[in-house]
Amino acid sequence: MDVLERPGRQDLTASVDFAALVAEGRLHGLHEASYQTLGRFLLDRGVLARLPEGQGAAAYAERNRIKTLLHPGGMGEAFKVLVQEKRP
């Protein structure tokens, strides 16, 4: 499977041991900049400003796709995001 074949249109999810990632990152000079739910991560980065406007079917469908990423009963709470950074 080519993971870049259909960006944004195919499932790339996997179970991840975040503690192991943090530990490995520290070995390589990284620190944990953020670890939060997918919903909070997207909201903090302005996803709501990117919601399509309008009443058409395409806009409605896109808003529903984004809602799936944010909703606490869906991916919004179940999925986590880890951001690691290298300190200067």
N, C-alpha and C. Protein backbone atom coordinates (compact mmCIF):
# COMPACT_ATOMS: atom_id res chain seq x y z
N MET A 1 0.85 -1.18 0.00
CA MET A 1 0.00 0.00 0.00
C MET A 1 0.89 1.24 0.00
N ASP A 2 0.62 2.14 -0.90
CA ASP A 2 1.33 3.42 -0.96
C ASP A 2 0.55 4.41 -0.10
N VAL A 3 1.10 4.78 1.07
CA VAL A 3 0.38 5.66 2.00
C VAL A 3 0.18 7.06 1.46
N LEU A 4 0.89 7.43 0.42
CA LEU A 4 0.73 8.76 -0.16
C LEU A 4 -0.13 8.75 -1.43
N GLU A 5 -0.68 7.59 -1.75
CA GLU A 5 -1.46 7.46 -2.98
C GLU A 5 -2.72 8.33 -2.97
N ARG A 6 -3.43 8.36 -1.84
CA ARG A 6 -4.68 9.11 -1.73
C ARG A 6 -4.69 9.90 -0.43
N PRO A 7 -3.85 10.94 -0.30
CA PRO A 7 -3.77 11.67 0.97
C PRO A 7 -5.12 12.23 1.40
N GLY A 8 -5.44 11.99 2.66
CA GLY A 8 -6.70 12.46 3.21
C GLY A 8 -7.89 11.61 2.83
N ARG A 9 -7.69 10.58 2.06
CA ARG A 9 -8.80 9.76 1.59
C ARG A 9 -8.66 8.29 1.97
N GLN A 10 -7.61 7.94 2.71
CA GLN A 10 -7.45 6.56 3.13
C GLN A 10 -7.03 6.50 4.58
N ASP A 11 -7.38 5.42 5.23
CA ASP A 11 -7.12 5.24 6.65
C ASP A 11 -5.65 4.84 6.87
N LEU A 12 -4.96 5.62 7.70
CA LEU A 12 -3.56 5.33 8.02
C LEU A 12 -3.39 5.08 9.52
N THR A 13 -4.48 4.82 10.23
CA THR A 13 -4.40 4.68 11.68
C THR A 13 -3.69 3.41 12.09
N ALA A 14 -3.08 3.48 13.27
CA ALA A 14 -2.39 2.33 13.85
C ALA A 14 -2.33 2.53 15.36
N SER A 15 -2.26 1.43 16.08
CA SER A 15 -2.05 1.53 17.52
C SER A 15 -0.61 1.98 17.77
N VAL A 16 -0.46 2.90 18.71
CA VAL A 16 0.86 3.48 18.95
C VAL A 16 1.15 3.47 20.45
N ASP A 17 2.36 3.08 20.82
CA ASP A 17 2.81 3.15 22.20
C ASP A 17 3.48 4.51 22.39
N PHE A 18 2.69 5.49 22.83
CA PHE A 18 3.21 6.86 22.94
C PHE A 18 4.32 6.97 23.97
N ALA A 19 4.24 6.19 25.04
CA ALA A 19 5.32 6.23 26.04
C ALA A 19 6.65 5.80 25.42
N ALA A 20 6.60 4.80 24.57
CA ALA A 20 7.82 4.35 23.90
C ALA A 20 8.33 5.42 22.93
N LEU A 21 7.43 6.09 22.24
CA LEU A 21 7.84 7.16 21.34
C LEU A 21 8.50 8.31 22.09
N VAL A 22 7.92 8.68 23.22
CA VAL A 22 8.49 9.76 24.03
C VAL A 22 9.88 9.36 24.51
N ALA A 23 10.00 8.14 25.01
CA ALA A 23 11.30 7.67 25.50
C ALA A 23 12.34 7.63 24.38
N GLU A 24 11.96 7.13 23.23
CA GLU A 24 12.89 7.08 22.11
C GLU A 24 13.25 8.48 21.64
N GLY A 25 12.27 9.36 21.63
CA GLY A 25 12.53 10.74 21.24
C GLY A 25 13.55 11.41 22.16
N ARG A 26 13.40 11.16 23.45
CA ARG A 26 14.36 11.74 24.42
C ARG A 26 15.78 11.27 24.15
N LEU A 27 15.91 10.02 23.72
CA LEU A 27 17.24 9.51 23.39
C LEU A 27 17.87 10.26 22.22
N HIS A 28 17.02 10.89 21.42
CA HIS A 28 17.50 11.60 20.24
C HIS A 28 17.35 13.12 20.37
N GLY A 29 17.24 13.58 21.62
CA GLY A 29 17.22 15.01 21.88
C GLY A 29 15.88 15.70 21.70
N LEU A 30 14.80 14.93 21.67
CA LEU A 30 13.47 15.51 21.52
C LEU A 30 12.79 15.64 22.87
N HIS A 31 11.89 16.61 22.97
CA HIS A 31 11.06 16.71 24.16
C HIS A 31 9.59 16.75 23.72
N GLU A 32 8.73 16.38 24.62
CA GLU A 32 7.29 16.34 24.34
C GLU A 32 6.74 17.75 24.36
N ALA A 33 6.35 18.25 23.18
CA ALA A 33 5.79 19.60 23.08
C ALA A 33 4.29 19.57 23.33
N SER A 34 3.65 18.47 22.95
CA SER A 34 2.20 18.38 23.09
C SER A 34 1.78 16.92 23.03
N TYR A 35 0.86 16.55 23.89
CA TYR A 35 0.22 15.24 23.83
C TYR A 35 -1.23 15.49 24.21
N GLN A 36 -2.14 15.34 23.26
CA GLN A 36 -3.53 15.66 23.52
C GLN A 36 -4.43 14.88 22.57
N THR A 37 -5.73 15.03 22.79
CA THR A 37 -6.68 14.36 21.92
C THR A 37 -6.65 15.00 20.53
N LEU A 38 -7.08 14.23 19.55
CA LEU A 38 -7.14 14.73 18.19
C LEU A 38 -8.06 15.94 18.10
N GLY A 39 -9.21 15.87 18.78
CA GLY A 39 -10.15 16.99 18.75
C GLY A 39 -9.53 18.27 19.28
N ARG A 40 -8.88 18.21 20.43
CA ARG A 40 -8.26 19.39 21.03
C ARG A 40 -7.13 19.90 20.14
N PHE A 41 -6.34 19.00 19.59
CA PHE A 41 -5.23 19.37 18.71
C PHE A 41 -5.75 20.18 17.51
N LEU A 42 -6.81 19.69 16.89
CA LEU A 42 -7.36 20.38 15.72
C LEU A 42 -8.00 21.71 16.09
N LEU A 43 -8.74 21.73 17.20
CA LEU A 43 -9.37 22.97 17.63
C LEU A 43 -8.33 24.03 17.97
N ASP A 44 -7.28 23.63 18.65
CA ASP A 44 -6.22 24.58 19.02
C ASP A 44 -5.51 25.16 17.80
N ARG A 45 -5.57 24.45 16.70
CA ARG A 45 -4.89 24.89 15.49
C ARG A 45 -5.84 25.49 14.45
N GLY A 46 -7.06 25.82 14.88
CA GLY A 46 -7.97 26.59 14.04
C GLY A 46 -8.77 25.84 13.00
N VAL A 47 -9.07 24.59 13.24
CA VAL A 47 -9.82 23.84 12.24
C VAL A 47 -11.20 24.44 11.98
N LEU A 48 -11.80 25.07 12.97
CA LEU A 48 -13.14 25.63 12.77
C LEU A 48 -13.14 26.76 11.75
N ALA A 49 -12.05 27.48 11.66
CA ALA A 49 -11.94 28.56 10.67
C ALA A 49 -11.87 28.01 9.24
N ARG A 50 -11.60 26.73 9.12
CA ARG A 50 -11.47 26.12 7.80
C ARG A 50 -12.74 25.39 7.36
N LEU A 51 -13.77 25.44 8.20
CA LEU A 51 -15.03 24.78 7.82
C LEU A 51 -15.60 25.45 6.58
N PRO A 52 -16.04 24.65 5.62
CA PRO A 52 -16.62 25.24 4.42
C PRO A 52 -17.98 25.88 4.72
N GLU A 53 -18.22 26.99 4.08
CA GLU A 53 -19.50 27.68 4.25
C GLU A 53 -20.45 27.23 3.16
N GLY A 54 -21.71 27.57 3.32
CA GLY A 54 -22.70 27.27 2.30
C GLY A 54 -23.63 26.15 2.71
N GLN A 55 -24.67 26.00 1.92
CA GLN A 55 -25.70 25.01 2.20
C GLN A 55 -25.66 23.83 1.24
N GLY A 56 -24.73 23.82 0.34
CA GLY A 56 -24.66 22.74 -0.65
C GLY A 56 -24.26 21.41 -0.05
N ALA A 57 -24.50 20.38 -0.81
CA ALA A 57 -24.20 19.01 -0.36
C ALA A 57 -22.71 18.82 -0.09
N ALA A 58 -21.86 19.39 -0.92
CA ALA A 58 -20.41 19.23 -0.74
C ALA A 58 -19.95 19.88 0.55
N ALA A 59 -20.43 21.08 0.84
CA ALA A 59 -20.06 21.78 2.08
C ALA A 59 -20.56 21.01 3.30
N TYR A 60 -21.78 20.53 3.22
CA TYR A 60 -22.37 19.75 4.32
C TYR A 60 -21.56 18.48 4.57
N ALA A 61 -21.20 17.78 3.51
CA ALA A 61 -20.42 16.55 3.64
C ALA A 61 -19.05 16.82 4.26
N GLU A 62 -18.39 17.89 3.83
CA GLU A 62 -17.07 18.23 4.38
C GLU A 62 -17.18 18.60 5.86
N ARG A 63 -18.20 19.36 6.24
CA ARG A 63 -18.40 19.69 7.65
C ARG A 63 -18.61 18.43 8.48
N ASN A 64 -19.34 17.47 7.94
CA ASN A 64 -19.55 16.21 8.66
C ASN A 64 -18.26 15.41 8.81
N ARG A 65 -17.40 15.44 7.80
CA ARG A 65 -16.11 14.74 7.91
C ARG A 65 -15.26 15.37 9.02
N ILE A 66 -15.25 16.69 9.07
CA ILE A 66 -14.48 17.38 10.11
C ILE A 66 -15.10 17.11 11.48
N LYS A 67 -16.41 17.09 11.56
CA LYS A 67 -17.10 16.80 12.82
C LYS A 67 -16.68 15.43 13.36
N THR A 68 -16.51 14.46 12.47
CA THR A 68 -16.07 13.13 12.88
C THR A 68 -14.71 13.19 13.57
N LEU A 69 -13.84 14.07 13.09
CA LEU A 69 -12.51 14.20 13.69
C LEU A 69 -12.55 14.87 15.06
N LEU A 70 -13.58 15.67 15.31
CA LEU A 70 -13.67 16.44 16.55
C LEU A 70 -14.55 15.81 17.62
N HIS A 71 -15.54 15.07 17.21
CA HIS A 71 -16.58 14.60 18.13
C HIS A 71 -16.01 13.70 19.23
N PRO A 72 -16.35 14.01 20.50
CA PRO A 72 -15.85 13.20 21.62
C PRO A 72 -16.26 11.73 21.53
N GLY A 73 -17.40 11.44 20.93
CA GLY A 73 -17.85 10.06 20.79
C GLY A 73 -17.20 9.34 19.63
N GLY A 74 -16.45 10.05 18.85
CA GLY A 74 -15.78 9.46 17.69
C GLY A 74 -14.28 9.56 17.83
N MET A 75 -13.64 10.05 16.81
CA MET A 75 -12.19 10.12 16.79
C MET A 75 -11.63 11.22 17.68
N GLY A 76 -12.44 12.24 17.98
CA GLY A 76 -11.98 13.40 18.73
C GLY A 76 -11.34 13.09 20.06
N GLU A 77 -11.86 12.11 20.78
CA GLU A 77 -11.30 11.72 22.08
C GLU A 77 -10.51 10.42 22.01
N ALA A 78 -10.88 9.53 21.12
CA ALA A 78 -10.24 8.22 21.04
C ALA A 78 -8.84 8.29 20.46
N PHE A 79 -8.60 9.23 19.56
CA PHE A 79 -7.31 9.36 18.91
C PHE A 79 -6.48 10.42 19.62
N LYS A 80 -5.20 10.17 19.71
CA LYS A 80 -4.27 11.09 20.38
C LYS A 80 -3.23 11.59 19.38
N VAL A 81 -2.66 12.75 19.72
CA VAL A 81 -1.62 13.36 18.88
C VAL A 81 -0.43 13.67 19.77
N LEU A 82 0.74 13.25 19.35
CA LEU A 82 1.99 13.55 20.04
C LEU A 82 2.85 14.42 19.13
N VAL A 83 3.30 15.55 19.67
CA VAL A 83 4.22 16.42 18.94
C VAL A 83 5.50 16.48 19.75
N GLN A 84 6.61 16.14 19.12
CA GLN A 84 7.90 16.21 19.78
C GLN A 84 8.75 17.24 19.03
N GLU A 85 9.57 17.95 19.78
CA GLU A 85 10.43 18.99 19.20
C GLU A 85 11.85 18.83 19.73
N LYS A 86 12.75 19.34 18.95
CA LYS A 86 14.15 19.38 19.37
C LYS A 86 14.41 20.74 19.97
N ARG A 87 14.96 20.76 21.16
CA ARG A 87 15.28 22.04 21.81
C ARG A 87 16.50 22.65 21.16
N PRO A 88 16.50 23.97 21.05
CA PRO A 88 17.66 24.64 20.44
C PRO A 88 18.89 24.52 21.28
